[in-house]
PDB file of N, CA and C in Angstrom:
ATOM      1  N   MET A   1     -20.217  -6.278 -16.346  1.00  0.00           N
ATOM      2  CA  MET A   1     -19.645  -6.344 -15.007  1.00  0.00           C
ATOM      3  C   MET A   1     -18.117  -6.404 -15.072  1.00  0.00           C
ATOM      4  N   SER A   2     -17.578  -6.864 -16.192  1.00  0.00           N
ATOM      5  CA  SER A   2     -16.124  -6.975 -16.278  1.00  0.00           C
ATOM      6  C   SER A   2     -15.447  -5.611 -16.232  1.00  0.00           C
ATOM      7  N   ASP A   3     -16.114  -4.563 -16.762  1.00  0.00           N
ATOM      8  CA  ASP A   3     -15.524  -3.229 -16.680  1.00  0.00           C
ATOM      9  C   ASP A   3     -15.456  -2.744 -15.235  1.00  0.00           C
ATOM     10  N   VAL A   4     -16.440  -3.106 -14.436  1.00  0.00           N
ATOM     11  CA  VAL A   4     -16.441  -2.744 -13.015  1.00  0.00           C
ATOM     12  C   VAL A   4     -15.320  -3.495 -12.297  1.00  0.00           C
ATOM     13  N   LYS A   5     -15.152  -4.763 -12.611  1.00  0.00           N
ATOM     14  CA  LYS A   5     -14.082  -5.559 -11.995  1.00  0.00           C
ATOM     15  C   LYS A   5     -12.710  -4.949 -12.298  1.00  0.00           C
ATOM     16  N   GLU A   6     -12.501  -4.591 -13.556  1.00  0.00           N
ATOM     17  CA  GLU A   6     -11.202  -4.031 -13.935  1.00  0.00           C
ATOM     18  C   GLU A   6     -10.974  -2.673 -13.280  1.00  0.00           C
ATOM     19  N   TYR A   7     -12.026  -1.878 -13.180  1.00  0.00           N
ATOM     20  CA  TYR A   7     -11.899  -0.588 -12.503  1.00  0.00           C
ATOM     21  C   TYR A   7     -11.535  -0.809 -11.030  1.00  0.00           C
ATOM     22  N   LEU A   8     -12.243  -1.724 -10.376  1.00  0.00           N
ATOM     23  CA  LEU A   8     -11.962  -2.033  -8.970  1.00  0.00           C
ATOM     24  C   LEU A   8     -10.531  -2.520  -8.792  1.00  0.00           C
ATOM     25  N   ARG A   9     -10.106  -3.402  -9.673  1.00  0.00           N
ATOM     26  CA  ARG A   9      -8.745  -3.941  -9.589  1.00  0.00           C
ATOM     27  C   ARG A   9      -7.727  -2.803  -9.694  1.00  0.00           C
ATOM     28  N   ASP A  10      -7.909  -1.930 -10.681  1.00  0.00           N
ATOM     29  CA  ASP A  10      -6.993  -0.800 -10.861  1.00  0.00           C
ATOM     30  C   ASP A  10      -6.985   0.115  -9.638  1.00  0.00           C
ATOM     31  N   TYR A  11      -8.172   0.422  -9.126  1.00  0.00           N
ATOM     32  CA  TYR A  11      -8.274   1.326  -7.981  1.00  0.00           C
ATOM     33  C   TYR A  11      -7.615   0.721  -6.742  1.00  0.00           C
ATOM     34  N   ILE A  12      -7.898  -0.532  -6.462  1.00  0.00           N
ATOM     35  CA  ILE A  12      -7.337  -1.196  -5.277  1.00  0.00           C
ATOM     36  C   ILE A  12      -5.821  -1.281  -5.379  1.00  0.00           C
ATOM     37  N   LEU A  13      -5.324  -1.622  -6.551  1.00  0.00           N
ATOM     38  CA  LEU A  13      -3.869  -1.691  -6.729  1.00  0.00           C
ATOM     39  C   LEU A  13      -3.228  -0.323  -6.520  1.00  0.00           C
ATOM     40  N   GLN A  14      -3.822   0.691  -7.072  1.00  0.00           N
ATOM     41  CA  GLN A  14      -3.260   2.040  -6.970  1.00  0.00           C
ATOM     42  C   GLN A  14      -3.331   2.590  -5.543  1.00  0.00           C
ATOM     43  N   GLU A  15      -4.475   2.429  -4.904  1.00  0.00           N
ATOM     44  CA  GLU A  15      -4.700   3.053  -3.597  1.00  0.00           C
ATOM     45  C   GLU A  15      -4.198   2.233  -2.412  1.00  0.00           C
ATOM     46  N   PHE A  16      -4.334   0.918  -2.489  1.00  0.00           N
ATOM     47  CA  PHE A  16      -4.092   0.092  -1.307  1.00  0.00           C
ATOM     48  C   PHE A  16      -2.944  -0.907  -1.455  1.00  0.00           C
ATOM     49  N   LEU A  17      -2.574  -1.244  -2.672  1.00  0.00           N
ATOM     50  CA  LEU A  17      -1.538  -2.263  -2.884  1.00  0.00           C
ATOM     51  C   LEU A  17      -0.515  -1.805  -3.920  1.00  0.00           C
ATOM     52  N   PRO A  18       0.072  -0.631  -3.745  1.00  0.00           N
ATOM     53  CA  PRO A  18       1.032  -0.169  -4.751  1.00  0.00           C
ATOM     54  C   PRO A  18       2.206  -1.145  -4.860  1.00  0.00           C
ATOM     55  N   GLY A  19       2.581  -1.426  -6.093  1.00  0.00           N
ATOM     56  CA  GLY A  19       3.694  -2.339  -6.334  1.00  0.00           C
ATOM     57  C   GLY A  19       3.294  -3.795  -6.432  1.00  0.00           C
ATOM     58  N   GLU A  20       2.063  -4.118  -6.077  1.00  0.00           N
ATOM     59  CA  GLU A  20       1.588  -5.506  -6.157  1.00  0.00           C
ATOM     60  C   GLU A  20       1.314  -5.864  -7.614  1.00  0.00           C
ATOM     61  N   SER A  21       1.542  -7.103  -7.952  1.00  0.00           N
ATOM     62  CA  SER A  21       1.293  -7.583  -9.301  1.00  0.00           C
ATOM     63  C   SER A  21      -0.211  -7.679  -9.559  1.00  0.00           C
ATOM     64  N   ARG A  22      -0.627  -7.226 -10.731  1.00  0.00           N
ATOM     65  CA  ARG A  22      -2.036  -7.274 -11.130  1.00  0.00           C
ATOM     66  C   ARG A  22      -2.557  -8.717 -11.115  1.00  0.00           C
ATOM     67  N   GLU A  23      -1.715  -9.650 -11.494  1.00  0.00           N
ATOM     68  CA  GLU A  23      -2.120 -11.055 -11.543  1.00  0.00           C
ATOM     69  C   GLU A  23      -2.436 -11.623 -10.158  1.00  0.00           C
ATOM     70  N   ASN A  24      -1.850 -11.043  -9.126  1.00  0.00           N
ATOM     71  CA  ASN A  24      -2.105 -11.524  -7.761  1.00  0.00           C
ATOM     72  C   ASN A  24      -3.448 -11.069  -7.207  1.00  0.00           C
ATOM     73  N   LEU A  25      -4.018 -10.033  -7.801  1.00  0.00           N
ATOM     74  CA  LEU A  25      -5.298  -9.513  -7.325  1.00  0.00           C
ATOM     75  C   LEU A  25      -6.420 -10.151  -8.146  1.00  0.00           C
ATOM     76  N   THR A  26      -6.739 -11.373  -7.794  1.00  0.00           N
ATOM     77  CA  THR A  26      -7.757 -12.136  -8.525  1.00  0.00           C
ATOM     78  C   THR A  26      -9.154 -11.720  -8.072  1.00  0.00           C
ATOM     79  N   ASP A  27     -10.152 -12.117  -8.857  1.00  0.00           N
ATOM     80  CA  ASP A  27     -11.539 -11.765  -8.551  1.00  0.00           C
ATOM     81  C   ASP A  27     -12.016 -12.317  -7.217  1.00  0.00           C
ATOM     82  N   ASP A  28     -11.437 -13.430  -6.786  1.00  0.00           N
ATOM     83  CA  ASP A  28     -11.913 -14.079  -5.558  1.00  0.00           C
ATOM     84  C   ASP A  28     -10.938 -13.958  -4.375  1.00  0.00           C
ATOM     85  N   LEU A  29      -9.925 -13.106  -4.497  1.00  0.00           N
ATOM     86  CA  LEU A  29      -8.991 -12.895  -3.385  1.00  0.00           C
ATOM     87  C   LEU A  29      -9.714 -12.189  -2.237  1.00  0.00           C
ATOM     88  N   PRO A  30      -9.713 -12.758  -1.033  1.00  0.00           N
ATOM     89  CA  PRO A  30     -10.382 -12.094   0.094  1.00  0.00           C
ATOM     90  C   PRO A  30      -9.623 -10.829   0.503  1.00  0.00           C
ATOM     91  N   LEU A  31     -10.295  -9.711   0.435  1.00  0.00           N
ATOM     92  CA  LEU A  31      -9.665  -8.430   0.742  1.00  0.00           C
ATOM     93  C   LEU A  31      -9.987  -7.961   2.158  1.00  0.00           C
ATOM     94  N   ARG A  32     -11.216  -8.128   2.569  1.00  0.00           N
ATOM     95  CA  ARG A  32     -11.621  -7.701   3.915  1.00  0.00           C
ATOM     96  C   ARG A  32     -11.183  -8.703   4.966  1.00  0.00           C
ATOM     97  N   THR A  33     -11.474  -9.952   4.729  1.00  0.00           N
ATOM     98  CA  THR A  33     -11.176 -10.962   5.743  1.00  0.00           C
ATOM     99  C   THR A  33      -9.682 -11.223   5.865  1.00  0.00           C
ATOM    100  N   SER A  34      -8.902 -10.833   4.858  1.00  0.00           N
ATOM    101  CA  SER A  34      -7.451 -11.002   4.941  1.00  0.00           C
ATOM    102  C   SER A  34      -6.771  -9.786   5.565  1.00  0.00           C
ATOM    103  N   GLY A  35      -7.520  -8.690   5.722  1.00  0.00           N
ATOM    104  CA  GLY A  35      -6.957  -7.486   6.316  1.00  0.00           C
ATOM    105  C   GLY A  35      -6.420  -6.481   5.311  1.00  0.00           C
ATOM    106  N   ILE A  36      -6.482  -6.788   4.025  1.00  0.00           N
ATOM    107  CA  ILE A  36      -6.028  -5.826   3.019  1.00  0.00           C
ATOM    108  C   ILE A  36      -6.890  -4.576   3.079  1.00  0.00           C
ATOM    109  N   LEU A  37      -8.201  -4.764   3.214  1.00  0.00           N
ATOM    110  CA  LEU A  37      -9.120  -3.634   3.376  1.00  0.00           C
ATOM    111  C   LEU A  37      -9.555  -3.567   4.837  1.00  0.00           C
ATOM    112  N   ASN A  38      -8.975  -2.634   5.577  1.00  0.00           N
ATOM    113  CA  ASN A  38      -9.444  -2.425   6.947  1.00  0.00           C
ATOM    114  C   ASN A  38     -10.643  -1.485   6.895  1.00  0.00           C
ATOM    115  N   SER A  39     -11.193  -1.115   8.033  1.00  0.00           N
ATOM    116  CA  SER A  39     -12.420  -0.323   8.042  1.00  0.00           C
ATOM    117  C   SER A  39     -12.240   1.055   7.408  1.00  0.00           C
ATOM    118  N   ILE A  40     -11.117   1.669   7.607  1.00  0.00           N
ATOM    119  CA  ILE A  40     -10.880   2.997   7.029  1.00  0.00           C
ATOM    120  C   ILE A  40     -10.750   2.900   5.512  1.00  0.00           C
ATOM    121  N   LYS A  41     -10.000   1.926   5.037  1.00  0.00           N
ATOM    122  CA  LYS A  41      -9.853   1.734   3.592  1.00  0.00           C
ATOM    123  C   LYS A  41     -11.189   1.362   2.955  1.00  0.00           C
ATOM    124  N   LEU A  42     -11.981   0.573   3.661  1.00  0.00           N
ATOM    125  CA  LEU A  42     -13.283   0.181   3.153  1.00  0.00           C
ATOM    126  C   LEU A  42     -14.185   1.409   2.992  1.00  0.00           C
ATOM    127  N   LEU A  43     -14.181   2.279   3.984  1.00  0.00           N
ATOM    128  CA  LEU A  43     -14.989   3.505   3.885  1.00  0.00           C
ATOM    129  C   LEU A  43     -14.523   4.374   2.722  1.00  0.00           C
ATOM    130  N   GLN A  44     -13.232   4.446   2.516  1.00  0.00           N
ATOM    131  CA  GLN A  44     -12.683   5.204   1.387  1.00  0.00           C
ATOM    132  C   GLN A  44     -13.164   4.598   0.065  1.00  0.00           C
ATOM    133  N   LEU A  45     -13.094   3.292  -0.038  1.00  0.00           N
ATOM    134  CA  LEU A  45     -13.522   2.598  -1.248  1.00  0.00           C
ATOM    135  C   LEU A  45     -15.017   2.796  -1.498  1.00  0.00           C
ATOM    136  N   ILE A  46     -15.823   2.647  -0.466  1.00  0.00           N
ATOM    137  CA  ILE A  46     -17.269   2.807  -0.604  1.00  0.00           C
ATOM    138  C   ILE A  46     -17.606   4.228  -1.063  1.00  0.00           C
ATOM    139  N   GLY A  47     -16.992   5.218  -0.436  1.00  0.00           N
ATOM    140  CA  GLY A  47     -17.234   6.604  -0.833  1.00  0.00           C
ATOM    141  C   GLY A  47     -16.841   6.851  -2.277  1.00  0.00           C
ATOM    142  N   HIS A  48     -15.729   6.286  -2.675  1.00  0.00           N
ATOM    143  CA  HIS A  48     -15.257   6.452  -4.051  1.00  0.00           C
ATOM    144  C   HIS A  48     -16.231   5.808  -5.037  1.00  0.00           C
ATOM    145  N   LEU A  49     -16.684   4.602  -4.749  1.00  0.00           N
ATOM    146  CA  LEU A  49     -17.611   3.917  -5.640  1.00  0.00           C
ATOM    147  C   LEU A  49     -18.946   4.651  -5.728  1.00  0.00           C
ATOM    148  N   GLU A  50     -19.422   5.160  -4.608  1.00  0.00           N
ATOM    149  CA  GLU A  50     -20.677   5.912  -4.626  1.00  0.00           C
ATOM    150  C   GLU A  50     -20.559   7.146  -5.513  1.00  0.00           C
ATOM    151  N   GLU A  51     -19.433   7.831  -5.397  1.00  0.00           N
ATOM    152  CA  GLU A  51     -19.219   9.030  -6.201  1.00  0.00           C
ATOM    153  C   GLU A  51     -19.045   8.685  -7.689  1.00  0.00           C
ATOM    154  N   LYS A  52     -18.213   7.715  -7.974  1.00  0.00           N
ATOM    155  CA  LYS A  52     -17.925   7.363  -9.374  1.00  0.00           C
ATOM    156  C   LYS A  52     -19.161   6.882 -10.110  1.00  0.00           C
ATOM    157  N   TYR A  53     -19.942   6.023  -9.473  1.00  0.00           N
ATOM    158  CA  TYR A  53     -21.070   5.401 -10.156  1.00  0.00           C
ATOM    159  C   TYR A  53     -22.416   6.060  -9.845  1.00  0.00           C
ATOM    160  N   GLY A  54     -22.447   7.076  -8.986  1.00  0.00           N
ATOM    161  CA  GLY A  54     -23.691   7.755  -8.663  1.00  0.00           C
ATOM    162  C   GLY A  54     -24.696   6.853  -7.971  1.00  0.00           C
ATOM    163  N   ILE A  55     -24.182   6.013  -7.076  1.00  0.00           N
ATOM    164  CA  ILE A  55     -25.027   5.062  -6.351  1.00  0.00           C
ATOM    165  C   ILE A  55     -24.844   5.299  -4.851  1.00  0.00           C
ATOM    166  N   ALA A  56     -25.676   4.650  -4.060  1.00  0.00           N
ATOM    167  CA  ALA A  56     -25.538   4.722  -2.605  1.00  0.00           C
ATOM    168  C   ALA A  56     -25.688   3.319  -2.032  1.00  0.00           C
ATOM    169  N   PHE A  57     -24.851   3.015  -1.069  1.00  0.00           N
ATOM    170  CA  PHE A  57     -24.926   1.730  -0.387  1.00  0.00           C
ATOM    171  C   PHE A  57     -25.634   1.917   0.941  1.00  0.00           C
ATOM    172  N   ASP A  58     -26.557   1.031   1.246  1.00  0.00           N
ATOM    173  CA  ASP A  58     -27.205   1.035   2.546  1.00  0.00           C
ATOM    174  C   ASP A  58     -26.237   0.486   3.585  1.00  0.00           C
ATOM    175  N   ALA A  59     -26.477   0.831   4.850  1.00  0.00           N
ATOM    176  CA  ALA A  59     -25.584   0.385   5.923  1.00  0.00           C
ATOM    177  C   ALA A  59     -25.474  -1.142   5.965  1.00  0.00           C
ATOM    178  N   HIS A  60     -26.594  -1.838   5.758  1.00  0.00           N
ATOM    179  CA  HIS A  60     -26.538  -3.305   5.810  1.00  0.00           C
ATOM    180  C   HIS A  60     -25.731  -3.878   4.646  1.00  0.00           C
ATOM    181  N   GLU A  61     -25.702  -3.188   3.514  1.00  0.00           N
ATOM    182  CA  GLU A  61     -24.893  -3.655   2.387  1.00  0.00           C
ATOM    183  C   GLU A  61     -23.406  -3.447   2.665  1.00  0.00           C
ATOM    184  N   ALA A  62     -23.070  -2.297   3.202  1.00  0.00           N
ATOM    185  CA  ALA A  62     -21.673  -2.007   3.522  1.00  0.00           C
ATOM    186  C   ALA A  62     -21.176  -2.895   4.662  1.00  0.00           C
ATOM    187  N   GLY A  63     -22.046  -3.228   5.579  1.00  0.00           N
ATOM    188  CA  GLY A  63     -21.667  -4.053   6.721  1.00  0.00           C
ATOM    189  C   GLY A  63     -21.585  -5.533   6.416  1.00  0.00           C
ATOM    190  N   ASN A  64     -22.147  -5.939   5.295  1.00  0.00           N
ATOM    191  CA  ASN A  64     -22.126  -7.351   4.905  1.00  0.00           C
ATOM    192  C   ASN A  64     -20.747  -7.680   4.334  1.00  0.00           C
ATOM    193  N   VAL A  65     -19.985  -8.460   5.042  1.00  0.00           N
ATOM    194  CA  VAL A  65     -18.608  -8.778   4.637  1.00  0.00           C
ATOM    195  C   VAL A  65     -18.558  -9.349   3.228  1.00  0.00           C
ATOM    196  N   ALA A  66     -19.492 -10.186   2.861  1.00  0.00           N
ATOM    197  CA  ALA A  66     -19.477 -10.827   1.540  1.00  0.00           C
ATOM    198  C   ALA A  66     -19.553  -9.803   0.408  1.00  0.00           C
ATOM    199  N   ASN A  67     -20.242  -8.702   0.626  1.00  0.00           N
ATOM    200  CA  ASN A  67     -20.379  -7.695  -0.429  1.00  0.00           C
ATOM    201  C   ASN A  67     -19.062  -7.009  -0.767  1.00  0.00           C
ATOM    202  N   PHE A  68     -18.186  -6.875   0.199  1.00  0.00           N
ATOM    203  CA  PHE A  68     -16.946  -6.137  -0.009  1.00  0.00           C
ATOM    204  C   PHE A  68     -15.695  -6.947   0.321  1.00  0.00           C
ATOM    205  N   ASP A  69     -15.790  -8.266   0.245  1.00  0.00           N
ATOM    206  CA  ASP A  69     -14.616  -9.089   0.536  1.00  0.00           C
ATOM    207  C   ASP A  69     -13.814  -9.393  -0.714  1.00  0.00           C
ATOM    208  N   THR A  70     -14.471  -9.475  -1.853  1.00  0.00           N
ATOM    209  CA  THR A  70     -13.772  -9.809  -3.094  1.00  0.00           C
ATOM    210  C   THR A  70     -14.163  -8.829  -4.199  1.00  0.00           C
ATOM    211  N   ILE A  71     -13.346  -8.764  -5.211  1.00  0.00           N
ATOM    212  CA  ILE A  71     -13.678  -7.943  -6.378  1.00  0.00           C
ATOM    213  C   ILE A  71     -14.962  -8.463  -7.009  1.00  0.00           C
ATOM    214  N   GLU A  72     -15.116  -9.770  -7.052  1.00  0.00           N
ATOM    215  CA  GLU A  72     -16.332 -10.377  -7.609  1.00  0.00           C
ATOM    216  C   GLU A  72     -17.581  -9.883  -6.874  1.00  0.00           C
ATOM    217  N   GLY A  73     -17.546  -9.935  -5.552  1.00  0.00           N
ATOM    218  CA  GLY A  73     -18.690  -9.486  -4.758  1.00  0.00           C
ATOM    219  C   GLY A  73     -18.977  -7.998  -4.908  1.00  0.00           C
ATOM    220  N   MET A  74     -17.923  -7.196  -4.922  1.00  0.00           N
ATOM    221  CA  MET A  74     -18.091  -5.752  -5.081  1.00  0.00           C
ATOM    222  C   MET A  74     -18.663  -5.419  -6.451  1.00  0.00           C
ATOM    223  N   ALA A  75     -18.126  -6.044  -7.488  1.00  0.00           N
ATOM    224  CA  ALA A  75     -18.594  -5.770  -8.845  1.00  0.00           C
ATOM    225  C   ALA A  75     -20.049  -6.178  -9.015  1.00  0.00           C
ATOM    226  N   SER A  76     -20.415  -7.268  -8.415  1.00  0.00           N
ATOM    227  CA  SER A  76     -21.797  -7.729  -8.487  1.00  0.00           C
ATOM    228  C   SER A  76     -22.736  -6.727  -7.812  1.00  0.00           C
ATOM    229  N   LEU A  77     -22.362  -6.247  -6.641  1.00  0.00           N
ATOM    230  CA  LEU A  77     -23.187  -5.275  -5.928  1.00  0.00           C
ATOM    231  C   LEU A  77     -23.267  -3.957  -6.691  1.00  0.00           C
ATOM    232  N   VAL A  78     -22.137  -3.463  -7.164  1.00  0.00           N
ATOM    233  CA  VAL A  78     -22.132  -2.203  -7.926  1.00  0.00           C
ATOM    234  C   VAL A  78     -22.992  -2.347  -9.174  1.00  0.00           C
ATOM    235  N   SER A  79     -22.849  -3.446  -9.881  1.00  0.00           N
ATOM    236  CA  SER A  79     -23.622  -3.663 -11.105  1.00  0.00           C
ATOM    237  C   SER A  79     -25.120  -3.708 -10.820  1.00  0.00           C
ATOM    238  N   SER A  80     -25.500  -4.312  -9.703  1.00  0.00           N
ATOM    239  CA  SER A  80     -26.923  -4.382  -9.361  1.00  0.00           C
ATOM    240  C   SER A  80     -27.468  -3.002  -8.989  1.00  0.00           C
ATOM    241  N   LYS A  81     -26.621  -2.162  -8.413  1.00  0.00           N
ATOM    242  CA  LYS A  81     -27.025  -0.805  -8.038  1.00  0.00           C
ATOM    243  C   LYS A  81     -27.120   0.112  -9.252  1.00  0.00           C
ATOM    244  N   LYS A  82     -26.240  -0.119 -10.215  1.00  0.00           N
ATOM    245  CA  LYS A  82     -26.241   0.717 -11.419  1.00  0.00           C
ATOM    246  C   LYS A  82     -27.489   0.476 -12.263  1.00  0.00           C
ATOM    247  N   GLY A  83     -28.082  -0.694 -12.084  1.00  0.00           N
ATOM    248  CA  GLY A  83     -29.282  -1.022 -12.829  1.00  0.00           C
ATOM    249  C   GLY A  83     -28.946  -1.528 -14.125  1.00  0.00           C
TER     250      GLY A  83
END
């Protein structure tokens, strides 16, 4: 799961937080509830993860704030989908 976390961290920093320090993007930093990931950015992230990992998220999974609020939550969901 750590490889998924690092990939997510790199992607989020590159796409949504350019110039932000890697150390500031911790595994438990709230991304959705803090407004870093708005609905459009979230859809972009979900589409990217589905394509990269060959998985699909159900609407209830994408709509569940806990699944996509932190890197920890996202990595856990992606890892469970990858099997």
